[in-house]
Amino acid sequence: MIGFVSTFFPSPAGLRQSSRPRAAAPAPRLRMQDAPAESRRPQSRLAHFGAALVTTVTTAAAVLSASSSFMPAPADALTAADVRQLTYDQVKGTGLANRCPEVTSSKGKITLDKSHKYKVVDMCLEPKQFMVEEEISRRKGEVKKEFVDTKLLTRASYSLGNVEGELVNEGGGWKFIEKEGMDYMATTVQLPGGERVPFLFTIKKLVASLTNADEGISASTEFGGDFTVPNYRTGMFLDPKGRGIAAGYDMAVALPALEADGGEGQDELQRENDKRFDVGKGSIEFAVNKVDPSTNEIGGVFVSEQPSDTDMGAKAPKRLLLKGIFYARVEPE
């Protein structure tokens, strides 16, 4: 019986011995006298090494040339004509719908007649940099407010597009009055400390005055003005405790007893319960640097400053600074 068990169930020592990998047999040593006569010479070994090096370099070059054919080419300027040629399937999922067209020409002037009215169509604003004003601690306890860079959390759906407005001459100067279009986009950025700042990127009801545009719009034309920033939430929105502006509870459960005495220190609770539709103000400046008189297209850069969301009056807004590019087309009415 013991022999039977030992035959089918080897001892632990045997298992340990069998589990160890066997050492590989030592490779035979090649003696100099066993090698061919031509390989013993230093010149022959150097020639073999050079041939191998040439073969390796040739193979690497072939691999690089083959892989370079699959590498994407650098992104070129996307013009309005290119956008019109794209189909829905070509745009879907690529992020091109969030990009503004660009003007390739930078010379010329779009002539404006003061006796005529014009309109701006297909206006597009694409932010490239998002900054939020924060209190920065310096040496010796000094605290300063500065705009810091943020991380964009919103996917490719934060650009304004198809904005239209009037271009009229008032008091001897030209003014752009925004009327309609996709003139607001809900966007969220994240501060370096992790705090998230939602805001409504917009130029609603913008009234911008043009400078250097007496004879027409050129690469030196600038315009800017103030606009309205609507509330980030609508009246039907309910917070996590069911409170809202036009719907929901008036106040959260267990809070009425705290507010009944009317004592001090209850401002925060009042702001949380008393929802408001806050409307802010912002300002924006445009600088035209590209003009195409053949298509009446203009392009350039912009800098916008506006407040962030207040959570329907529950917290103070933060100041945002946005920088980006814009595109528009001028047409007679």
C-alpha atoms as a PDB file:
ATOM      1  CA  MET A   1       0.000   0.000   0.000  1.00  0.00           C
ATOM      2  CA  ILE A   2       2.830   2.361   0.819  1.00  0.00           C
ATOM      3  CA  GLY A   3       4.484   1.592  -2.476  1.00  0.00           C
ATOM      4  CA  PHE A   4       1.218   2.255  -4.321  1.00  0.00           C
ATOM      5  CA  VAL A   5       0.810   5.662  -2.640  1.00  0.00           C
ATOM      6  CA  SER A   6       4.418   6.630  -3.262  1.00  0.00           C
ATOM      7  CA  THR A   7       4.058   5.690  -6.918  1.00  0.00           C
ATOM      8  CA  PHE A   8       1.069   8.004  -7.638  1.00  0.00           C
ATOM      9  CA  PHE A   9       1.701  10.641  -4.933  1.00  0.00           C
ATOM     10  CA  PRO A  10       5.372  11.547  -4.862  1.00  0.00           C
ATOM     11  CA  SER A  11       6.895  13.085  -1.757  1.00  0.00           C
ATOM     12  CA  PRO A  12       6.919  16.888  -1.256  1.00  0.00           C
ATOM     13  CA  ALA A  13      10.663  16.839  -1.689  1.00  0.00           C
ATOM     14  CA  GLY A  14      10.221  15.219  -5.062  1.00  0.00           C
ATOM     15  CA  LEU A  15       7.631  17.793  -6.019  1.00  0.00           C
ATOM     16  CA  ARG A  16       9.970  20.608  -5.049  1.00  0.00           C
ATOM     17  CA  GLN A  17      12.740  19.067  -7.063  1.00  0.00           C
ATOM     18  CA  SER A  18      10.570  18.559 -10.144  1.00  0.00           C
ATOM     19  CA  SER A  19       9.132  22.107  -9.971  1.00  0.00           C
ATOM     20  CA  ARG A  20      12.565  23.680 -10.294  1.00  0.00           C
ATOM     21  CA  PRO A  21      13.517  24.581 -13.854  1.00  0.00           C
ATOM     22  CA  ARG A  22      16.407  22.640 -15.197  1.00  0.00           C
ATOM     23  CA  ALA A  23      19.535  24.583 -15.896  1.00  0.00           C
ATOM     24  CA  ALA A  24      20.243  25.055 -19.551  1.00  0.00           C
ATOM     25  CA  ALA A  25      23.216  23.246 -20.955  1.00  0.00           C
ATOM     26  CA  PRO A  26      26.219  25.524 -21.397  1.00  0.00           C
ATOM     27  CA  ALA A  27      26.697  26.690 -24.933  1.00  0.00           C
ATOM     28  CA  PRO A  28      29.747  25.259 -26.641  1.00  0.00           C
ATOM     29  CA  ARG A  29      32.668  27.662 -26.629  1.00  0.00           C
ATOM     30  CA  LEU A  30      33.956  28.535 -30.030  1.00  0.00           C
ATOM     31  CA  ARG A  31      37.675  28.529 -30.128  1.00  0.00           C
ATOM     32  CA  MET A  32      39.558  30.775 -32.440  1.00  0.00           C
ATOM     33  CA  GLN A  33      41.145  27.883 -34.228  1.00  0.00           C
ATOM     34  CA  ASP A  34      37.670  26.294 -34.867  1.00  0.00           C
ATOM     35  CA  ALA A  35      36.356  29.397 -36.693  1.00  0.00           C
ATOM     36  CA  PRO A  36      36.796  29.848 -40.424  1.00  0.00           C
ATOM     37  CA  ALA A  37      40.037  31.395 -41.481  1.00  0.00           C
ATOM     38  CA  GLU A  38      38.427  34.510 -42.951  1.00  0.00           C
ATOM     39  CA  SER A  39      36.481  35.303 -39.726  1.00  0.00           C
ATOM     40  CA  ARG A  40      39.669  35.259 -37.647  1.00  0.00           C
ATOM     41  CA  ARG A  41      40.857  38.459 -39.297  1.00  0.00           C
ATOM     42  CA  PRO A  42      39.853  41.784 -37.705  1.00  0.00           C
ATOM     43  CA  GLN A  43      39.090  43.239 -41.135  1.00  0.00           C
ATOM     44  CA  SER A  44      36.604  40.429 -41.872  1.00  0.00           C
ATOM     45  CA  ARG A  45      34.800  40.845 -38.528  1.00  0.00           C
ATOM     46  CA  LEU A  46      34.505  44.623 -39.128  1.00  0.00           C
ATOM     47  CA  ALA A  47      33.126  43.973 -42.585  1.00  0.00           C
ATOM     48  CA  HIS A  48      30.510  41.597 -41.167  1.00  0.00           C
ATOM     49  CA  PHE A  49      29.535  44.191 -38.518  1.00  0.00           C
ATOM     50  CA  GLY A  50      29.222  46.925 -41.156  1.00  0.00           C
ATOM     51  CA  ALA A  51      27.012  44.740 -43.335  1.00  0.00           C
ATOM     52  CA  ALA A  52      24.761  43.943 -40.370  1.00  0.00           C
ATOM     53  CA  LEU A  53      24.538  47.645 -39.474  1.00  0.00           C
ATOM     54  CA  VAL A  54      23.571  48.567 -43.035  1.00  0.00           C
ATOM     55  CA  THR A  55      20.896  45.871 -43.022  1.00  0.00           C
ATOM     56  CA  THR A  56      19.496  47.148 -39.694  1.00  0.00           C
ATOM     57  CA  VAL A  57      19.400  50.772 -40.850  1.00  0.00           C
ATOM     58  CA  THR A  58      17.765  49.785 -44.133  1.00  0.00           C
ATOM     59  CA  THR A  59      15.105  47.790 -42.294  1.00  0.00           C
ATOM     60  CA  ALA A  60      14.427  50.648 -39.841  1.00  0.00           C
ATOM     61  CA  ALA A  61      14.118  53.131 -42.693  1.00  0.00           C
ATOM     62  CA  ALA A  62      11.643  50.860 -44.441  1.00  0.00           C
ATOM     63  CA  VAL A  63       9.578  50.544 -41.252  1.00  0.00           C
ATOM     64  CA  LEU A  64       9.567  54.315 -40.703  1.00  0.00           C
ATOM     65  CA  SER A  65       8.577  55.027 -44.287  1.00  0.00           C
ATOM     66  CA  ALA A  66       5.769  52.487 -44.063  1.00  0.00           C
ATOM     67  CA  SER A  67       4.484  53.836 -40.733  1.00  0.00           C
ATOM     68  CA  SER A  68       4.656  57.463 -41.896  1.00  0.00           C
ATOM     69  CA  SER A  69       2.068  56.703 -44.558  1.00  0.00           C
ATOM     70  CA  PHE A  70      -0.405  55.847 -41.782  1.00  0.00           C
ATOM     71  CA  MET A  71       0.347  58.921 -39.614  1.00  0.00           C
ATOM     72  CA  PRO A  72      -2.293  61.677 -39.886  1.00  0.00           C
ATOM     73  CA  ALA A  73      -1.301  64.871 -41.627  1.00  0.00           C
ATOM     74  CA  PRO A  74      -1.290  68.118 -39.625  1.00  0.00           C
ATOM     75  CA  ALA A  75      -4.684  69.781 -39.383  1.00  0.00           C
ATOM     76  CA  ASP A  76      -5.202  72.503 -41.993  1.00  0.00           C
ATOM     77  CA  ALA A  77      -7.436  75.510 -41.821  1.00  0.00           C
ATOM     78  CA  LEU A  78     -11.106  74.596 -42.072  1.00  0.00           C
ATOM     79  CA  THR A  79     -12.839  77.061 -44.378  1.00  0.00           C
ATOM     80  CA  ALA A  80     -16.570  77.607 -44.773  1.00  0.00           C
ATOM     81  CA  ALA A  81     -16.426  76.017 -48.234  1.00  0.00           C
ATOM     82  CA  ASP A  82     -14.906  72.880 -46.725  1.00  0.00           C
ATOM     83  CA  VAL A  83     -17.664  72.704 -44.105  1.00  0.00           C
ATOM     84  CA  ARG A  84     -20.411  72.935 -46.730  1.00  0.00           C
ATOM     85  CA  GLN A  85     -18.939  69.982 -48.624  1.00  0.00           C
ATOM     86  CA  LEU A  86     -19.005  67.662 -45.610  1.00  0.00           C
ATOM     87  CA  THR A  87     -21.873  65.261 -45.028  1.00  0.00           C
ATOM     88  CA  TYR A  88     -23.451  64.410 -41.695  1.00  0.00           C
ATOM     89  CA  ASP A  89     -21.606  61.108 -41.461  1.00  0.00           C
ATOM     90  CA  GLN A  90     -18.290  62.843 -42.137  1.00  0.00           C
ATOM     91  CA  VAL A  91     -18.876  65.328 -39.311  1.00  0.00           C
ATOM     92  CA  LYS A  92     -20.460  62.986 -36.739  1.00  0.00           C
ATOM     93  CA  GLY A  93     -18.116  62.056 -33.918  1.00  0.00           C
ATOM     94  CA  THR A  94     -15.146  64.046 -35.248  1.00  0.00           C
ATOM     95  CA  GLY A  95     -15.537  67.318 -33.307  1.00  0.00           C
ATOM     96  CA  LEU A  96     -15.673  69.358 -36.518  1.00  0.00           C
ATOM     97  CA  ALA A  97     -19.109  70.681 -35.583  1.00  0.00           C
ATOM     98  CA  ASN A  98     -17.478  72.499 -32.669  1.00  0.00           C
ATOM     99  CA  ARG A  99     -14.851  74.201 -34.832  1.00  0.00           C
ATOM    100  CA  CYS A 100     -15.288  77.620 -36.398  1.00  0.00           C
ATOM    101  CA  PRO A 101     -14.394  78.146 -40.062  1.00  0.00           C
ATOM    102  CA  GLU A 102     -11.283  80.156 -40.780  1.00  0.00           C
ATOM    103  CA  VAL A 103     -10.537  82.828 -43.359  1.00  0.00           C
ATOM    104  CA  THR A 104      -7.413  82.156 -45.398  1.00  0.00           C
ATOM    105  CA  SER A 105      -7.043  85.628 -46.886  1.00  0.00           C
ATOM    106  CA  SER A 106      -5.687  88.492 -44.767  1.00  0.00           C
ATOM    107  CA  LYS A 107      -5.754  91.347 -47.293  1.00  0.00           C
ATOM    108  CA  GLY A 108      -8.501  93.567 -48.612  1.00  0.00           C
ATOM    109  CA  LYS A 109     -11.467  95.454 -47.236  1.00  0.00           C
ATOM    110  CA  ILE A 110     -15.230  94.987 -47.137  1.00  0.00           C
ATOM    111  CA  THR A 111     -16.697  98.342 -48.158  1.00  0.00           C
ATOM    112  CA  LEU A 112     -19.655  99.630 -46.133  1.00  0.00           C
ATOM    113  CA  ASP A 113     -22.083 102.262 -47.386  1.00  0.00           C
ATOM    114  CA  LYS A 114     -23.533 104.414 -44.600  1.00  0.00           C
ATOM    115  CA  SER A 115     -26.829 104.752 -46.477  1.00  0.00           C
ATOM    116  CA  HIS A 116     -27.361 100.971 -46.489  1.00  0.00           C
ATOM    117  CA  LYS A 117     -28.054  98.385 -43.811  1.00  0.00           C
ATOM    118  CA  TYR A 118     -26.102  95.198 -43.418  1.00  0.00           C
ATOM    119  CA  LYS A 119     -26.364  92.032 -41.390  1.00  0.00           C
ATOM    120  CA  VAL A 120     -23.822  89.669 -39.907  1.00  0.00           C
ATOM    121  CA  VAL A 121     -24.597  85.983 -40.463  1.00  0.00           C
ATOM    122  CA  ASP A 122     -22.999  82.620 -39.673  1.00  0.00           C
ATOM    123  CA  MET A 123     -21.093  84.139 -36.774  1.00  0.00           C
ATOM    124  CA  CYS A 124     -19.123  81.560 -34.800  1.00  0.00           C
ATOM    125  CA  LEU A 125     -17.118  81.857 -31.579  1.00  0.00           C
ATOM    126  CA  GLU A 126     -14.751  79.082 -30.536  1.00  0.00           C
ATOM    127  CA  PRO A 127     -12.991  79.519 -27.158  1.00  0.00           C
ATOM    128  CA  LYS A 128      -9.431  78.268 -26.941  1.00  0.00           C
ATOM    129  CA  GLN A 129      -8.545  79.206 -23.363  1.00  0.00           C
ATOM    130  CA  PHE A 130     -10.685  79.272 -20.207  1.00  0.00           C
ATOM    131  CA  MET A 131      -9.482  81.172 -17.125  1.00  0.00           C
ATOM    132  CA  VAL A 132     -11.144  81.802 -13.754  1.00  0.00           C
ATOM    133  CA  GLU A 133     -10.341  84.556 -11.288  1.00  0.00           C
ATOM    134  CA  GLU A 134      -9.010  83.168  -8.014  1.00  0.00           C
ATOM    135  CA  GLU A 135      -7.342  84.509  -4.883  1.00  0.00           C
ATOM    136  CA  ILE A 136      -3.643  83.621  -4.987  1.00  0.00           C
ATOM    137  CA  SER A 137      -1.559  83.757  -1.822  1.00  0.00           C
ATOM    138  CA  ARG A 138       1.810  85.435  -2.183  1.00  0.00           C
ATOM    139  CA  ARG A 139       4.696  85.952   0.185  1.00  0.00           C
ATOM    140  CA  LYS A 140       4.207  87.721   3.509  1.00  0.00           C
ATOM    141  CA  GLY A 141       0.518  86.813   3.556  1.00  0.00           C
ATOM    142  CA  GLU A 142      -0.305  88.923   0.509  1.00  0.00           C
ATOM    143  CA  VAL A 143      -3.386  87.784  -1.384  1.00  0.00           C
ATOM    144  CA  LYS A 144      -4.037  88.797  -4.989  1.00  0.00           C
ATOM    145  CA  LYS A 145      -6.799  88.022  -7.431  1.00  0.00           C
ATOM    146  CA  GLU A 146      -5.518  86.538 -10.674  1.00  0.00           C
ATOM    147  CA  PHE A 147      -6.935  84.588 -13.591  1.00  0.00           C
ATOM    148  CA  VAL A 148      -5.701  80.992 -13.548  1.00  0.00           C
ATOM    149  CA  ASP A 149      -5.887  78.363 -16.257  1.00  0.00           C
ATOM    150  CA  THR A 150      -8.507  75.643 -15.956  1.00  0.00           C
ATOM    151  CA  LYS A 151      -9.255  72.225 -17.369  1.00  0.00           C
ATOM    152  CA  LEU A 152     -12.177  72.000 -19.785  1.00  0.00           C
ATOM    153  CA  LEU A 153     -14.658  69.268 -18.799  1.00  0.00           C
ATOM    154  CA  THR A 154     -17.287  69.864 -21.487  1.00  0.00           C
ATOM    155  CA  ARG A 155     -17.007  67.776 -24.633  1.00  0.00           C
ATOM    156  CA  ALA A 156     -16.820  69.358 -28.090  1.00  0.00           C
ATOM    157  CA  SER A 157     -20.071  71.309 -27.710  1.00  0.00           C
ATOM    158  CA  TYR A 158     -19.068  74.684 -26.267  1.00  0.00           C
ATOM    159  CA  SER A 159     -18.762  76.896 -29.375  1.00  0.00           C
ATOM    160  CA  LEU A 160     -21.394  79.403 -30.465  1.00  0.00           C
ATOM    161  CA  GLY A 161     -22.649  79.152 -34.036  1.00  0.00           C
ATOM    162  CA  ASN A 162     -25.113  80.547 -36.565  1.00  0.00           C
ATOM    163  CA  VAL A 163     -25.320  83.825 -34.671  1.00  0.00           C
ATOM    164  CA  GLU A 164     -26.949  86.662 -36.616  1.00  0.00           C
ATOM    165  CA  GLY A 165     -27.362  90.354 -36.039  1.00  0.00           C
ATOM    166  CA  GLU A 166     -27.699  93.776 -37.586  1.00  0.00           C
ATOM    167  CA  LEU A 167     -24.845  96.007 -38.691  1.00  0.00           C
ATOM    168  CA  VAL A 168     -26.171  99.555 -38.668  1.00  0.00           C
ATOM    169  CA  ASN A 169     -24.701 103.041 -38.767  1.00  0.00           C
ATOM    170  CA  GLU A 170     -25.737 105.132 -35.771  1.00  0.00           C
ATOM    171  CA  GLY A 171     -24.332 108.528 -34.878  1.00  0.00           C
ATOM    172  CA  GLY A 172     -21.636 108.316 -37.515  1.00  0.00           C
ATOM    173  CA  GLY A 173     -20.351 104.930 -36.358  1.00  0.00           C
ATOM    174  CA  TRP A 174     -21.122 101.303 -37.080  1.00  0.00           C
ATOM    175  CA  LYS A 175     -22.700  99.021 -34.498  1.00  0.00           C
ATOM    176  CA  PHE A 176     -23.301  95.301 -34.417  1.00  0.00           C
ATOM    177  CA  ILE A 177     -26.531  94.283 -32.629  1.00  0.00           C
ATOM    178  CA  GLU A 178     -26.886  90.561 -31.907  1.00  0.00           C
ATOM    179  CA  LYS A 179     -30.364  89.161 -32.595  1.00  0.00           C
ATOM    180  CA  GLU A 180     -30.548  85.365 -32.656  1.00  0.00           C
ATOM    181  CA  GLY A 181     -28.787  82.070 -33.174  1.00  0.00           C
ATOM    182  CA  MET A 182     -27.052  79.477 -31.005  1.00  0.00           C
ATOM    183  CA  ASP A 183     -25.822  82.263 -28.748  1.00  0.00           C
ATOM    184  CA  TYR A 184     -25.333  80.352 -25.476  1.00  0.00           C
ATOM    185  CA  MET A 185     -23.687  77.079 -24.483  1.00  0.00           C
ATOM    186  CA  ALA A 186     -23.545  75.427 -21.052  1.00  0.00           C
ATOM    187  CA  THR A 187     -19.886  74.800 -20.198  1.00  0.00           C
ATOM    188  CA  THR A 188     -17.978  73.529 -17.172  1.00  0.00           C
ATOM    189  CA  VAL A 189     -14.310  73.945 -16.267  1.00  0.00           C
ATOM    190  CA  GLN A 190     -12.257  72.643 -13.359  1.00  0.00           C
ATOM    191  CA  LEU A 191      -9.859  74.679 -11.255  1.00  0.00           C
ATOM    192  CA  PRO A 192      -6.392  73.333 -10.324  1.00  0.00           C
ATOM    193  CA  GLY A 193      -7.706  72.565  -6.815  1.00  0.00           C
ATOM    194  CA  GLY A 194     -10.511  70.379  -8.179  1.00  0.00           C
ATOM    195  CA  GLU A 195     -13.431  72.806  -7.858  1.00  0.00           C
ATOM    196  CA  ARG A 196     -15.761  72.782 -10.851  1.00  0.00           C
ATOM    197  CA  VAL A 197     -17.130  76.025 -12.242  1.00  0.00           C
ATOM    198  CA  PRO A 198     -20.212  75.825 -14.505  1.00  0.00           C
ATOM    199  CA  PHE A 199     -21.140  78.823 -16.630  1.00  0.00           C
ATOM    200  CA  LEU A 200     -23.191  79.809 -19.649  1.00  0.00           C
ATOM    201  CA  PHE A 201     -20.901  80.920 -22.473  1.00  0.00           C
ATOM    202  CA  THR A 202     -22.953  83.515 -24.352  1.00  0.00           C
ATOM    203  CA  ILE A 203     -23.118  86.854 -26.192  1.00  0.00           C
ATOM    204  CA  LYS A 204     -26.882  87.395 -25.861  1.00  0.00           C
ATOM    205  CA  LYS A 205     -28.088  90.917 -26.679  1.00  0.00           C
ATOM    206  CA  LEU A 206     -24.592  92.048 -27.575  1.00  0.00           C
ATOM    207  CA  VAL A 207     -24.262  95.651 -28.769  1.00  0.00           C
ATOM    208  CA  ALA A 208     -20.733  96.204 -30.101  1.00  0.00           C
ATOM    209  CA  SER A 209     -19.297  99.421 -31.519  1.00  0.00           C
ATOM    210  CA  LEU A 210     -16.835  99.199 -34.424  1.00  0.00           C
ATOM    211  CA  THR A 211     -13.599 101.164 -34.620  1.00  0.00           C
ATOM    212  CA  ASN A 212     -11.410 101.733 -37.702  1.00  0.00           C
ATOM    213  CA  ALA A 213     -14.390 100.905 -39.904  1.00  0.00           C
ATOM    214  CA  ASP A 214     -15.320 104.283 -41.440  1.00  0.00           C
ATOM    215  CA  GLU A 215     -14.442 103.136 -44.952  1.00  0.00           C
ATOM    216  CA  GLY A 216     -15.162  99.459 -44.353  1.00  0.00           C
ATOM    217  CA  ILE A 217     -14.080  96.398 -42.406  1.00  0.00           C
ATOM    218  CA  SER A 218     -10.362  95.680 -42.712  1.00  0.00           C
ATOM    219  CA  ALA A 219      -7.686  93.734 -40.845  1.00  0.00           C
ATOM    220  CA  SER A 220      -7.348  96.667 -38.422  1.00  0.00           C
ATOM    221  CA  THR A 221     -11.035  96.798 -37.433  1.00  0.00           C
ATOM    222  CA  GLU A 222     -12.006  96.148 -33.816  1.00  0.00           C
ATOM    223  CA  PHE A 223     -15.390  96.016 -32.126  1.00  0.00           C
ATOM    224  CA  GLY A 224     -16.678  95.255 -28.671  1.00  0.00           C
ATOM    225  CA  GLY A 225     -19.403  95.872 -26.144  1.00  0.00           C
ATOM    226  CA  ASP A 226     -21.541  94.453 -23.345  1.00  0.00           C
ATOM    227  CA  PHE A 227     -23.912  91.506 -23.403  1.00  0.00           C
ATOM    228  CA  THR A 228     -26.388  89.749 -21.105  1.00  0.00           C
ATOM    229  CA  VAL A 229     -25.607  86.493 -19.292  1.00  0.00           C
ATOM    230  CA  PRO A 230     -28.812  84.530 -18.533  1.00  0.00           C
ATOM    231  CA  ASN A 231     -29.162  82.249 -15.561  1.00  0.00           C
ATOM    232  CA  TYR A 232     -27.454  78.880 -15.924  1.00  0.00           C
ATOM    233  CA  ARG A 233     -30.600  77.042 -14.739  1.00  0.00           C
ATOM    234  CA  THR A 234     -34.156  77.507 -15.952  1.00  0.00           C
ATOM    235  CA  GLY A 235     -37.183  78.144 -13.746  1.00  0.00           C
ATOM    236  CA  MET A 236     -38.284  74.498 -13.743  1.00  0.00           C
ATOM    237  CA  PHE A 237     -34.961  73.155 -12.456  1.00  0.00           C
ATOM    238  CA  LEU A 238     -35.041  71.492  -9.022  1.00  0.00           C
ATOM    239  CA  ASP A 239     -32.026  71.190  -6.763  1.00  0.00           C
ATOM    240  CA  PRO A 240     -31.198  67.900  -4.950  1.00  0.00           C
ATOM    241  CA  LYS A 241     -33.659  68.832  -2.165  1.00  0.00           C
ATOM    242  CA  GLY A 242     -36.521  69.541  -4.548  1.00  0.00           C
ATOM    243  CA  ARG A 243     -36.360  73.333  -4.377  1.00  0.00           C
ATOM    244  CA  GLY A 244     -36.818  75.487  -7.463  1.00  0.00           C
ATOM    245  CA  ILE A 245     -37.984  78.842  -8.823  1.00  0.00           C
ATOM    246  CA  ALA A 246     -41.300  77.967 -10.460  1.00  0.00           C
ATOM    247  CA  ALA A 247     -41.744  74.444  -9.100  1.00  0.00           C
ATOM    248  CA  GLY A 248     -40.767  72.287  -6.156  1.00  0.00           C
ATOM    249  CA  TYR A 249     -40.666  72.961  -2.420  1.00  0.00           C
ATOM    250  CA  ASP A 250     -40.318  76.401  -0.888  1.00  0.00           C
ATOM    251  CA  MET A 251     -37.694  75.172   1.555  1.00  0.00           C
ATOM    252  CA  ALA A 252     -35.988  71.968   2.648  1.00  0.00           C
ATOM    253  CA  VAL A 253     -37.342  69.788   5.428  1.00  0.00           C
ATOM    254  CA  ALA A 254     -36.221  70.702   8.984  1.00  0.00           C
ATOM    255  CA  LEU A 255     -35.016  74.138   7.930  1.00  0.00           C
ATOM    256  CA  PRO A 256     -38.168  76.204   8.721  1.00  0.00           C
ATOM    257  CA  ALA A 257     -37.469  75.887  12.477  1.00  0.00           C
ATOM    258  CA  LEU A 258     -34.044  77.418  11.979  1.00  0.00           C
ATOM    259  CA  GLU A 259     -35.469  80.379  10.085  1.00  0.00           C
ATOM    260  CA  ALA A 260     -38.450  80.993  12.377  1.00  0.00           C
ATOM    261  CA  ASP A 261     -36.656  83.166  14.900  1.00  0.00           C
ATOM    262  CA  GLY A 262     -35.245  85.545  12.273  1.00  0.00           C
ATOM    263  CA  GLY A 263     -31.843  85.611  13.951  1.00  0.00           C
ATOM    264  CA  GLU A 264     -28.535  86.452  12.389  1.00  0.00           C
ATOM    265  CA  GLY A 265     -26.367  83.962  10.569  1.00  0.00           C
ATOM    266  CA  GLN A 266     -29.194  82.593   8.435  1.00  0.00           C
ATOM    267  CA  ASP A 267     -28.280  84.342   5.180  1.00  0.00           C
ATOM    268  CA  GLU A 268     -26.786  81.172   3.743  1.00  0.00           C
ATOM    269  CA  LEU A 269     -29.950  79.199   4.466  1.00  0.00           C
ATOM    270  CA  GLN A 270     -32.057  81.938   2.947  1.00  0.00           C
ATOM    271  CA  ARG A 271     -30.007  81.930  -0.265  1.00  0.00           C
ATOM    272  CA  GLU A 272     -30.342  78.162  -0.497  1.00  0.00           C
ATOM    273  CA  ASN A 273     -34.135  78.324  -0.166  1.00  0.00           C
ATOM    274  CA  ASP A 274     -34.917  81.567  -1.974  1.00  0.00           C
ATOM    275  CA  LYS A 275     -34.123  80.599  -5.585  1.00  0.00           C
ATOM    276  CA  ARG A 276     -33.581  83.464  -8.033  1.00  0.00           C
ATOM    277  CA  PHE A 277     -33.145  83.798 -11.765  1.00  0.00           C
ATOM    278  CA  ASP A 278     -29.884  85.765 -11.777  1.00  0.00           C
ATOM    279  CA  VAL A 279     -29.006  87.725 -14.921  1.00  0.00           C
ATOM    280  CA  GLY A 280     -25.411  88.913 -15.209  1.00  0.00           C
ATOM    281  CA  LYS A 281     -23.443  91.201 -17.481  1.00  0.00           C
ATOM    282  CA  GLY A 282     -20.386  90.491 -19.585  1.00  0.00           C
ATOM    283  CA  SER A 283     -18.138  92.278 -22.033  1.00  0.00           C
ATOM    284  CA  ILE A 284     -16.289  91.136 -25.141  1.00  0.00           C
ATOM    285  CA  GLU A 285     -13.728  92.554 -27.547  1.00  0.00           C
ATOM    286  CA  PHE A 286     -13.132  91.379 -31.138  1.00  0.00           C
ATOM    287  CA  ALA A 287     -10.092  92.060 -33.322  1.00  0.00           C
ATOM    288  CA  VAL A 288     -10.365  91.363 -37.045  1.00  0.00           C
ATOM    289  CA  ASN A 289      -7.145  90.079 -38.596  1.00  0.00           C
ATOM    290  CA  LYS A 290      -8.379  88.338 -41.747  1.00  0.00           C
ATOM    291  CA  VAL A 291     -10.724  89.650 -44.441  1.00  0.00           C
ATOM    292  CA  ASP A 292     -11.836  88.110 -47.735  1.00  0.00           C
ATOM    293  CA  PRO A 293     -13.681  90.723 -49.867  1.00  0.00           C
ATOM    294  CA  SER A 294     -14.660  88.126 -52.482  1.00  0.00           C
ATOM    295  CA  THR A 295     -16.837  86.225 -49.981  1.00  0.00           C
ATOM    296  CA  ASN A 296     -17.376  89.030 -47.404  1.00  0.00           C
ATOM    297  CA  GLU A 297     -15.888  86.799 -44.701  1.00  0.00           C
ATOM    298  CA  ILE A 298     -14.053  88.086 -41.659  1.00  0.00           C
ATOM    299  CA  GLY A 299     -12.109  86.284 -38.962  1.00  0.00           C
ATOM    300  CA  GLY A 300     -10.014  87.083 -35.935  1.00  0.00           C
ATOM    301  CA  VAL A 301      -9.695  86.687 -32.188  1.00  0.00           C
ATOM    302  CA  PHE A 302     -11.817  87.650 -29.187  1.00  0.00           C
ATOM    303  CA  VAL A 303     -11.477  88.121 -25.438  1.00  0.00           C
ATOM    304  CA  SER A 304     -14.594  87.801 -23.269  1.00  0.00           C
ATOM    305  CA  GLU A 305     -15.202  88.347 -19.567  1.00  0.00           C
ATOM    306  CA  GLN A 306     -18.356  87.145 -17.837  1.00  0.00           C
ATOM    307  CA  PRO A 307     -19.677  85.712 -14.541  1.00  0.00           C
ATOM    308  CA  SER A 308     -20.181  82.049 -13.762  1.00  0.00           C
ATOM    309  CA  ASP A 309     -23.260  80.246 -12.444  1.00  0.00           C
ATOM    310  CA  THR A 310     -24.662  81.266  -9.043  1.00  0.00           C
ATOM    311  CA  ASP A 311     -26.701  78.087  -8.421  1.00  0.00           C
ATOM    312  CA  MET A 312     -29.852  80.222  -8.561  1.00  0.00           C
ATOM    313  CA  GLY A 313     -28.533  82.731  -6.051  1.00  0.00           C
ATOM    314  CA  ALA A 314     -27.034  80.273  -3.558  1.00  0.00           C
ATOM    315  CA  LYS A 315     -23.405  81.326  -4.093  1.00  0.00           C
ATOM    316  CA  ALA A 316     -21.394  84.231  -5.412  1.00  0.00           C
ATOM    317  CA  PRO A 317     -20.395  84.100  -9.091  1.00  0.00           C
ATOM    318  CA  LYS A 318     -16.798  83.824 -10.254  1.00  0.00           C
ATOM    319  CA  ARG A 319     -15.282  85.929 -13.014  1.00  0.00           C
ATOM    320  CA  LEU A 320     -14.249  84.103 -16.171  1.00  0.00           C
ATOM    321  CA  LEU A 321     -11.879  85.182 -18.937  1.00  0.00           C
ATOM    322  CA  LEU A 322     -12.237  83.433 -22.275  1.00  0.00           C
ATOM    323  CA  LYS A 323      -9.980  83.757 -25.317  1.00  0.00           C
ATOM    324  CA  GLY A 324     -10.564  82.288 -28.750  1.00  0.00           C
ATOM    325  CA  ILE A 325     -11.226  82.811 -32.446  1.00  0.00           C
ATOM    326  CA  PHE A 326     -14.317  83.958 -34.337  1.00  0.00           C
ATOM    327  CA  TYR A 327     -15.724  83.889 -37.848  1.00  0.00           C
ATOM    328  CA  ALA A 328     -18.537  85.852 -39.497  1.00  0.00           C
ATOM    329  CA  ARG A 329     -19.896  86.901 -42.876  1.00  0.00           C
ATOM    330  CA  VAL A 330     -21.278  90.342 -43.800  1.00  0.00           C
ATOM    331  CA  GLU A 331     -24.252  90.620 -46.146  1.00  0.00           C
ATOM    332  CA  PRO A 332     -26.456  93.539 -47.286  1.00  0.00           C
ATOM    333  CA  GLU A 333     -30.050  93.393 -46.055  1.00  0.00           C
END
